[in-house]
């Protein structure tokens, strides 16, 4: 059986060309996959950075919260001690009034002190409500914002806007005022 070398060479060249095409397509596919993996890796690194920043922010928030709660506990202890002292002073005042006559030298000072103690004990309910709202989470956030530079800028811009609106709509406001008071419009 005779072997046709020319046909065999042509077939070999065709197979080599097909193999070369497949190899180059695989190489481009691998390059594309590497590029995609690099993009995914960059996104993963960015996500890890964000997660690390969030974790740091969360830990600082937790630390701040623990410090605040510690201060609140300390303030509670001080308030309880102050309450005990006020009750003790009130008891001493009652004993002093019961033990001494009305012509005592310290009667006026005792009455003043007694009035101050009753004022401290009887806090206005509106004042209690204001204190409760200001010390709430949103109240504290509002106070911090208004006290910040951006809050002051916001208030200044709001005031400037109100003044500008007043001057821009002066005639309308004047006519409305005269209408409310049943005066003829000027």
C-alpha atoms as a PDB file:
ATOM      1  CA  UNK A   1       0.000   0.000   0.000  1.00  0.00           C
ATOM      2  CA  UNK A   2       1.474   3.231  -1.126  1.00  0.00           C
ATOM      3  CA  UNK A   3       1.395   6.215   1.138  1.00  0.00           C
ATOM      4  CA  UNK A   4       0.768   9.542  -0.467  1.00  0.00           C
ATOM      5  CA  UNK A   5       3.111  11.826   1.410  1.00  0.00           C
ATOM      6  CA  UNK A   6       1.686  14.929  -0.139  1.00  0.00           C
ATOM      7  CA  UNK A   7      -1.832  14.147   1.119  1.00  0.00           C
ATOM      8  CA  UNK A   8      -0.451  13.176   4.486  1.00  0.00           C
ATOM      9  CA  UNK A   9       1.509  16.424   4.695  1.00  0.00           C
ATOM     10  CA  UNK A  10      -1.580  18.449   3.664  1.00  0.00           C
ATOM     11  CA  UNK A  11      -3.696  16.654   6.271  1.00  0.00           C
ATOM     12  CA  UNK A  12      -1.034  17.248   8.894  1.00  0.00           C
ATOM     13  CA  UNK A  13      -0.854  20.948   7.968  1.00  0.00           C
ATOM     14  CA  UNK A  14      -4.679  21.216   8.167  1.00  0.00           C
ATOM     15  CA  UNK A  15      -4.715  19.515  11.549  1.00  0.00           C
ATOM     16  CA  UNK A  16      -1.877  21.745  12.760  1.00  0.00           C
ATOM     17  CA  UNK A  17      -3.760  24.868  11.555  1.00  0.00           C
ATOM     18  CA  UNK A  18      -6.983  23.686  13.239  1.00  0.00           C
ATOM     19  CA  UNK A  19      -5.001  22.933  16.396  1.00  0.00           C
ATOM     20  CA  UNK A  20      -3.346  26.365  16.208  1.00  0.00           C
ATOM     21  CA  UNK A  21      -6.768  28.060  15.844  1.00  0.00           C
ATOM     22  CA  UNK A  22      -8.159  26.113  18.797  1.00  0.00           C
ATOM     23  CA  UNK A  23      -5.065  26.869  20.845  1.00  0.00           C
ATOM     24  CA  UNK A  24      -5.254  30.612  20.084  1.00  0.00           C
ATOM     25  CA  UNK A  25      -8.989  30.670  20.942  1.00  0.00           C
ATOM     26  CA  UNK A  26      -8.229  28.894  24.207  1.00  0.00           C
ATOM     27  CA  UNK A  27      -5.437  31.371  24.894  1.00  0.00           C
ATOM     28  CA  UNK A  28      -7.772  34.353  24.273  1.00  0.00           C
ATOM     29  CA  UNK A  29     -10.416  32.698  26.459  1.00  0.00           C
ATOM     30  CA  UNK A  30      -7.843  32.254  29.245  1.00  0.00           C
ATOM     31  CA  UNK A  31      -6.718  35.872  28.875  1.00  0.00           C
ATOM     32  CA  UNK A  32     -10.339  37.023  29.055  1.00  0.00           C
ATOM     33  CA  UNK A  33     -10.934  34.845  32.121  1.00  0.00           C
ATOM     34  CA  UNK A  34      -7.814  36.270  33.783  1.00  0.00           C
ATOM     35  CA  UNK A  35      -9.015  39.814  33.076  1.00  0.00           C
ATOM     36  CA  UNK A  36     -12.447  39.031  34.538  1.00  0.00           C
ATOM     37  CA  UNK A  37     -10.833  37.425  37.570  1.00  0.00           C
ATOM     38  CA  UNK A  38      -8.672  40.513  38.096  1.00  0.00           C
ATOM     39  CA  UNK A  39     -11.771  42.733  37.947  1.00  0.00           C
ATOM     40  CA  UNK A  40     -13.580  40.427  40.381  1.00  0.00           C
ATOM     41  CA  UNK A  41     -10.530  40.422  42.633  1.00  0.00           C
ATOM     42  CA  UNK A  42     -10.424  44.248  42.606  1.00  0.00           C
ATOM     43  CA  UNK A  43     -14.129  44.361  43.444  1.00  0.00           C
ATOM     44  CA  UNK A  44     -13.565  41.833  46.231  1.00  0.00           C
ATOM     45  CA  UNK A  45     -10.692  43.915  47.637  1.00  0.00           C
ATOM     46  CA  UNK A  46     -12.876  47.055  47.491  1.00  0.00           C
ATOM     47  CA  UNK A  47     -15.686  45.172  49.256  1.00  0.00           C
ATOM     48  CA  UNK A  48     -13.239  43.962  51.920  1.00  0.00           C
ATOM     49  CA  UNK A  49     -12.028  47.554  52.416  1.00  0.00           C
ATOM     50  CA  UNK A  50     -15.611  48.771  52.814  1.00  0.00           C
ATOM     51  CA  UNK A  51     -16.311  45.951  55.225  1.00  0.00           C
ATOM     52  CA  UNK A  52     -13.199  46.831  57.237  1.00  0.00           C
ATOM     53  CA  UNK A  53     -14.260  50.500  57.384  1.00  0.00           C
ATOM     54  CA  UNK A  54     -17.772  49.488  58.464  1.00  0.00           C
ATOM     55  CA  UNK A  55     -16.331  47.202  61.108  1.00  0.00           C
ATOM     56  CA  UNK A  56     -14.103  50.024  62.362  1.00  0.00           C
ATOM     57  CA  UNK A  57     -17.041  52.436  62.414  1.00  0.00           C
ATOM     58  CA  UNK A  58     -19.169  49.882  64.237  1.00  0.00           C
ATOM     59  CA  UNK A  59     -16.459  49.277  66.819  1.00  0.00           C
ATOM     60  CA  UNK A  60     -16.003  53.022  67.427  1.00  0.00           C
ATOM     61  CA  UNK A  61     -19.777  53.402  67.731  1.00  0.00           C
ATOM     62  CA  UNK A  62     -19.882  50.532  70.210  1.00  0.00           C
ATOM     63  CA  UNK A  63     -16.996  52.068  72.161  1.00  0.00           C
ATOM     64  CA  UNK A  64     -18.714  55.458  72.188  1.00  0.00           C
ATOM     65  CA  UNK A  65     -21.936  53.844  73.304  1.00  0.00           C
ATOM     66  CA  UNK A  66     -20.199  51.987  76.132  1.00  0.00           C
ATOM     67  CA  UNK A  67     -18.541  55.228  77.275  1.00  0.00           C
ATOM     68  CA  UNK A  68     -21.913  57.015  77.189  1.00  0.00           C
ATOM     69  CA  UNK A  69     -23.587  54.235  79.171  1.00  0.00           C
ATOM     70  CA  UNK A  70     -20.741  54.300  81.681  1.00  0.00           C
ATOM     71  CA  UNK A  71     -21.220  58.063  82.091  1.00  0.00           C
ATOM     72  CA  UNK A  72     -24.973  57.555  82.457  1.00  0.00           C
ATOM     73  CA  UNK A  73     -24.377  54.955  85.177  1.00  0.00           C
ATOM     74  CA  UNK A  74     -21.983  57.317  86.955  1.00  0.00           C
ATOM     75  CA  UNK A  75     -24.530  60.136  86.692  1.00  0.00           C
ATOM     76  CA  UNK A  76     -27.227  57.805  88.093  1.00  0.00           C
ATOM     77  CA  UNK A  77     -25.045  57.047  91.104  1.00  0.00           C
ATOM     78  CA  UNK A  78     -24.369  60.750  91.642  1.00  0.00           C
ATOM     79  CA  UNK A  79     -28.069  61.567  91.321  1.00  0.00           C
ATOM     80  CA  UNK A  80     -28.971  58.836  93.809  1.00  0.00           C
ATOM     81  CA  UNK A  81     -26.394  60.208  96.256  1.00  0.00           C
ATOM     82  CA  UNK A  82     -27.748  63.716  95.721  1.00  0.00           C
ATOM     83  CA  UNK A  83     -31.295  62.454  96.288  1.00  0.00           C
ATOM     84  CA  UNK A  84     -30.195  60.829  99.542  1.00  0.00           C
ATOM     85  CA  UNK A  85     -28.514  64.076 100.616  1.00  0.00           C
ATOM     86  CA  UNK A  86     -31.650  66.104  99.782  1.00  0.00           C
ATOM     87  CA  UNK A  87     -33.810  63.670 101.739  1.00  0.00           C
ATOM     88  CA  UNK A  88     -31.399  63.871 104.667  1.00  0.00           C
ATOM     89  CA  UNK A  89     -31.479  67.696 104.565  1.00  0.00           C
ATOM     90  CA  UNK A  90     -35.272  67.628 104.395  1.00  0.00           C
ATOM     91  CA  UNK A  91     -35.340  65.333 107.425  1.00  0.00           C
ATOM     92  CA  UNK A  92     -32.968  67.623 109.297  1.00  0.00           C
ATOM     93  CA  UNK A  93     -35.155  70.608 108.428  1.00  0.00           C
ATOM     94  CA  UNK A  94     -38.235  68.872 109.792  1.00  0.00           C
ATOM     95  CA  UNK A  95     -36.368  67.899 112.955  1.00  0.00           C
ATOM     96  CA  UNK A  96     -35.101  71.458 113.333  1.00  0.00           C
ATOM     97  CA  UNK A  97     -38.619  72.869 113.030  1.00  0.00           C
ATOM     98  CA  UNK A  98     -39.989  70.335 115.473  1.00  0.00           C
ATOM     99  CA  UNK A  99     -37.186  70.814 118.010  1.00  0.00           C
ATOM    100  CA  UNK A 100     -36.853  74.616 117.954  1.00  0.00           C
ATOM    101  CA  UNK A 101     -39.208  77.439 118.455  1.00  0.00           C
ATOM    102  CA  UNK A 102     -40.349  79.841 115.739  1.00  0.00           C
ATOM    103  CA  UNK A 103     -38.149  82.653 117.059  1.00  0.00           C
ATOM    104  CA  UNK A 104     -34.923  80.831 116.152  1.00  0.00           C
ATOM    105  CA  UNK A 105     -32.155  82.808 114.444  1.00  0.00           C
ATOM    106  CA  UNK A 106     -31.957  80.402 111.496  1.00  0.00           C
ATOM    107  CA  UNK A 107     -35.688  80.274 110.694  1.00  0.00           C
ATOM    108  CA  UNK A 108     -35.444  82.483 107.585  1.00  0.00           C
ATOM    109  CA  UNK A 109     -32.508  80.545 106.173  1.00  0.00           C
ATOM    110  CA  UNK A 110     -34.285  77.273 106.879  1.00  0.00           C
ATOM    111  CA  UNK A 111     -37.421  78.456 105.057  1.00  0.00           C
ATOM    112  CA  UNK A 112     -35.342  79.548 102.052  1.00  0.00           C
ATOM    113  CA  UNK A 113     -33.543  76.217 102.012  1.00  0.00           C
ATOM    114  CA  UNK A 114     -36.843  74.371 102.345  1.00  0.00           C
ATOM    115  CA  UNK A 115     -38.265  76.333  99.379  1.00  0.00           C
ATOM    116  CA  UNK A 116     -35.196  75.504  97.290  1.00  0.00           C
ATOM    117  CA  UNK A 117     -35.536  71.818  98.152  1.00  0.00           C
ATOM    118  CA  UNK A 118     -39.207  71.801  97.113  1.00  0.00           C
ATOM    119  CA  UNK A 119     -38.284  73.540  93.838  1.00  0.00           C
ATOM    120  CA  UNK A 120     -35.624  70.889  93.164  1.00  0.00           C
ATOM    121  CA  UNK A 121     -38.007  68.066  94.045  1.00  0.00           C
ATOM    122  CA  UNK A 122     -40.941  69.411  91.983  1.00  0.00           C
ATOM    123  CA  UNK A 123     -39.538  69.633  88.477  1.00  0.00           C
ATOM    124  CA  UNK A 124     -41.880  71.093  85.864  1.00  0.00           C
ATOM    125  CA  UNK A 125     -43.464  68.369  83.704  1.00  0.00           C
ATOM    126  CA  UNK A 126     -42.752  70.380  80.540  1.00  0.00           C
ATOM    127  CA  UNK A 127     -39.098  70.606  81.548  1.00  0.00           C
ATOM    128  CA  UNK A 128     -39.033  66.843  82.115  1.00  0.00           C
ATOM    129  CA  UNK A 129     -40.516  66.288  78.649  1.00  0.00           C
ATOM    130  CA  UNK A 130     -37.975  68.623  77.028  1.00  0.00           C
ATOM    131  CA  UNK A 131     -35.114  66.879  78.831  1.00  0.00           C
ATOM    132  CA  UNK A 132     -36.444  63.474  77.772  1.00  0.00           C
ATOM    133  CA  UNK A 133     -36.789  64.515  74.126  1.00  0.00           C
ATOM    134  CA  UNK A 134     -33.412  66.241  73.968  1.00  0.00           C
ATOM    135  CA  UNK A 135     -31.652  63.232  75.442  1.00  0.00           C
ATOM    136  CA  UNK A 136     -33.344  60.813  73.025  1.00  0.00           C
ATOM    137  CA  UNK A 137     -31.367  59.516  70.040  1.00  0.00           C
ATOM    138  CA  UNK A 138     -33.021  61.845  67.497  1.00  0.00           C
ATOM    139  CA  UNK A 139     -32.977  64.818  69.863  1.00  0.00           C
ATOM    140  CA  UNK A 140     -29.281  64.363  70.498  1.00  0.00           C
ATOM    141  CA  UNK A 141     -28.648  64.013  66.754  1.00  0.00           C
ATOM    142  CA  UNK A 142     -30.606  67.233  66.094  1.00  0.00           C
ATOM    143  CA  UNK A 143     -28.729  69.121  68.810  1.00  0.00           C
ATOM    144  CA  UNK A 144     -25.379  67.904  67.459  1.00  0.00           C
ATOM    145  CA  UNK A 145     -26.373  68.927  63.911  1.00  0.00           C
ATOM    146  CA  UNK A 146     -27.554  72.391  64.941  1.00  0.00           C
ATOM    147  CA  UNK A 147     -24.414  72.900  67.040  1.00  0.00           C
ATOM    148  CA  UNK A 148     -22.166  71.791  64.173  1.00  0.00           C
ATOM    149  CA  UNK A 149     -20.780  74.113  61.520  1.00  0.00           C
ATOM    150  CA  UNK A 150     -23.087  72.644  58.870  1.00  0.00           C
ATOM    151  CA  UNK A 151     -26.114  73.135  61.111  1.00  0.00           C
ATOM    152  CA  UNK A 152     -25.228  76.771  61.673  1.00  0.00           C
ATOM    153  CA  UNK A 153     -24.768  77.230  57.927  1.00  0.00           C
ATOM    154  CA  UNK A 154     -28.169  75.585  57.380  1.00  0.00           C
ATOM    155  CA  UNK A 155     -29.850  77.920  59.879  1.00  0.00           C
ATOM    156  CA  UNK A 156     -28.136  80.967  58.318  1.00  0.00           C
ATOM    157  CA  UNK A 157     -29.254  79.918  54.833  1.00  0.00           C
ATOM    158  CA  UNK A 158     -32.788  79.295  56.081  1.00  0.00           C
ATOM    159  CA  UNK A 159     -32.879  82.748  57.704  1.00  0.00           C
ATOM    160  CA  UNK A 160     -31.515  84.356  54.529  1.00  0.00           C
ATOM    161  CA  UNK A 161     -34.147  82.527  52.477  1.00  0.00           C
ATOM    162  CA  UNK A 162     -36.908  83.769  54.788  1.00  0.00           C
ATOM    163  CA  UNK A 163     -35.682  87.345  54.485  1.00  0.00           C
ATOM    164  CA  UNK A 164     -35.440  87.038  50.711  1.00  0.00           C
ATOM    165  CA  UNK A 165     -38.950  85.561  50.561  1.00  0.00           C
ATOM    166  CA  UNK A 166     -40.286  88.380  52.720  1.00  0.00           C
ATOM    167  CA  UNK A 167     -38.782  91.046  50.484  1.00  0.00           C
ATOM    168  CA  UNK A 168     -39.788  89.247  47.286  1.00  0.00           C
ATOM    169  CA  UNK A 169     -43.401  88.798  48.403  1.00  0.00           C
ATOM    170  CA  UNK A 170     -43.822  91.994  50.393  1.00  0.00           C
ATOM    171  CA  UNK A 171     -46.821  93.182  48.354  1.00  0.00           C
ATOM    172  CA  UNK A 172     -48.613  89.850  48.721  1.00  0.00           C
ATOM    173  CA  UNK A 173     -47.989  89.789  52.488  1.00  0.00           C
ATOM    174  CA  UNK A 174     -49.167  93.395  52.799  1.00  0.00           C
ATOM    175  CA  UNK A 175     -52.377  92.665  50.851  1.00  0.00           C
ATOM    176  CA  UNK A 176     -52.988  89.516  52.905  1.00  0.00           C
ATOM    177  CA  UNK A 177     -52.521  91.485  56.137  1.00  0.00           C
ATOM    178  CA  UNK A 178     -54.964  94.147  55.017  1.00  0.00           C
ATOM    179  CA  UNK A 179     -57.451  91.465  53.953  1.00  0.00           C
ATOM    180  CA  UNK A 180     -57.203  89.762  57.363  1.00  0.00           C
ATOM    181  CA  UNK A 181     -57.900  93.066  59.133  1.00  0.00           C
ATOM    182  CA  UNK A 182     -60.715  93.987  56.689  1.00  0.00           C
ATOM    183  CA  UNK A 183     -58.870  97.004  55.345  1.00  0.00           C
ATOM    184  CA  UNK A 184     -58.971  98.050  51.708  1.00  0.00           C
ATOM    185  CA  UNK A 185     -55.931  96.897  49.697  1.00  0.00           C
ATOM    186  CA  UNK A 186     -53.458  99.611  48.816  1.00  0.00           C
END
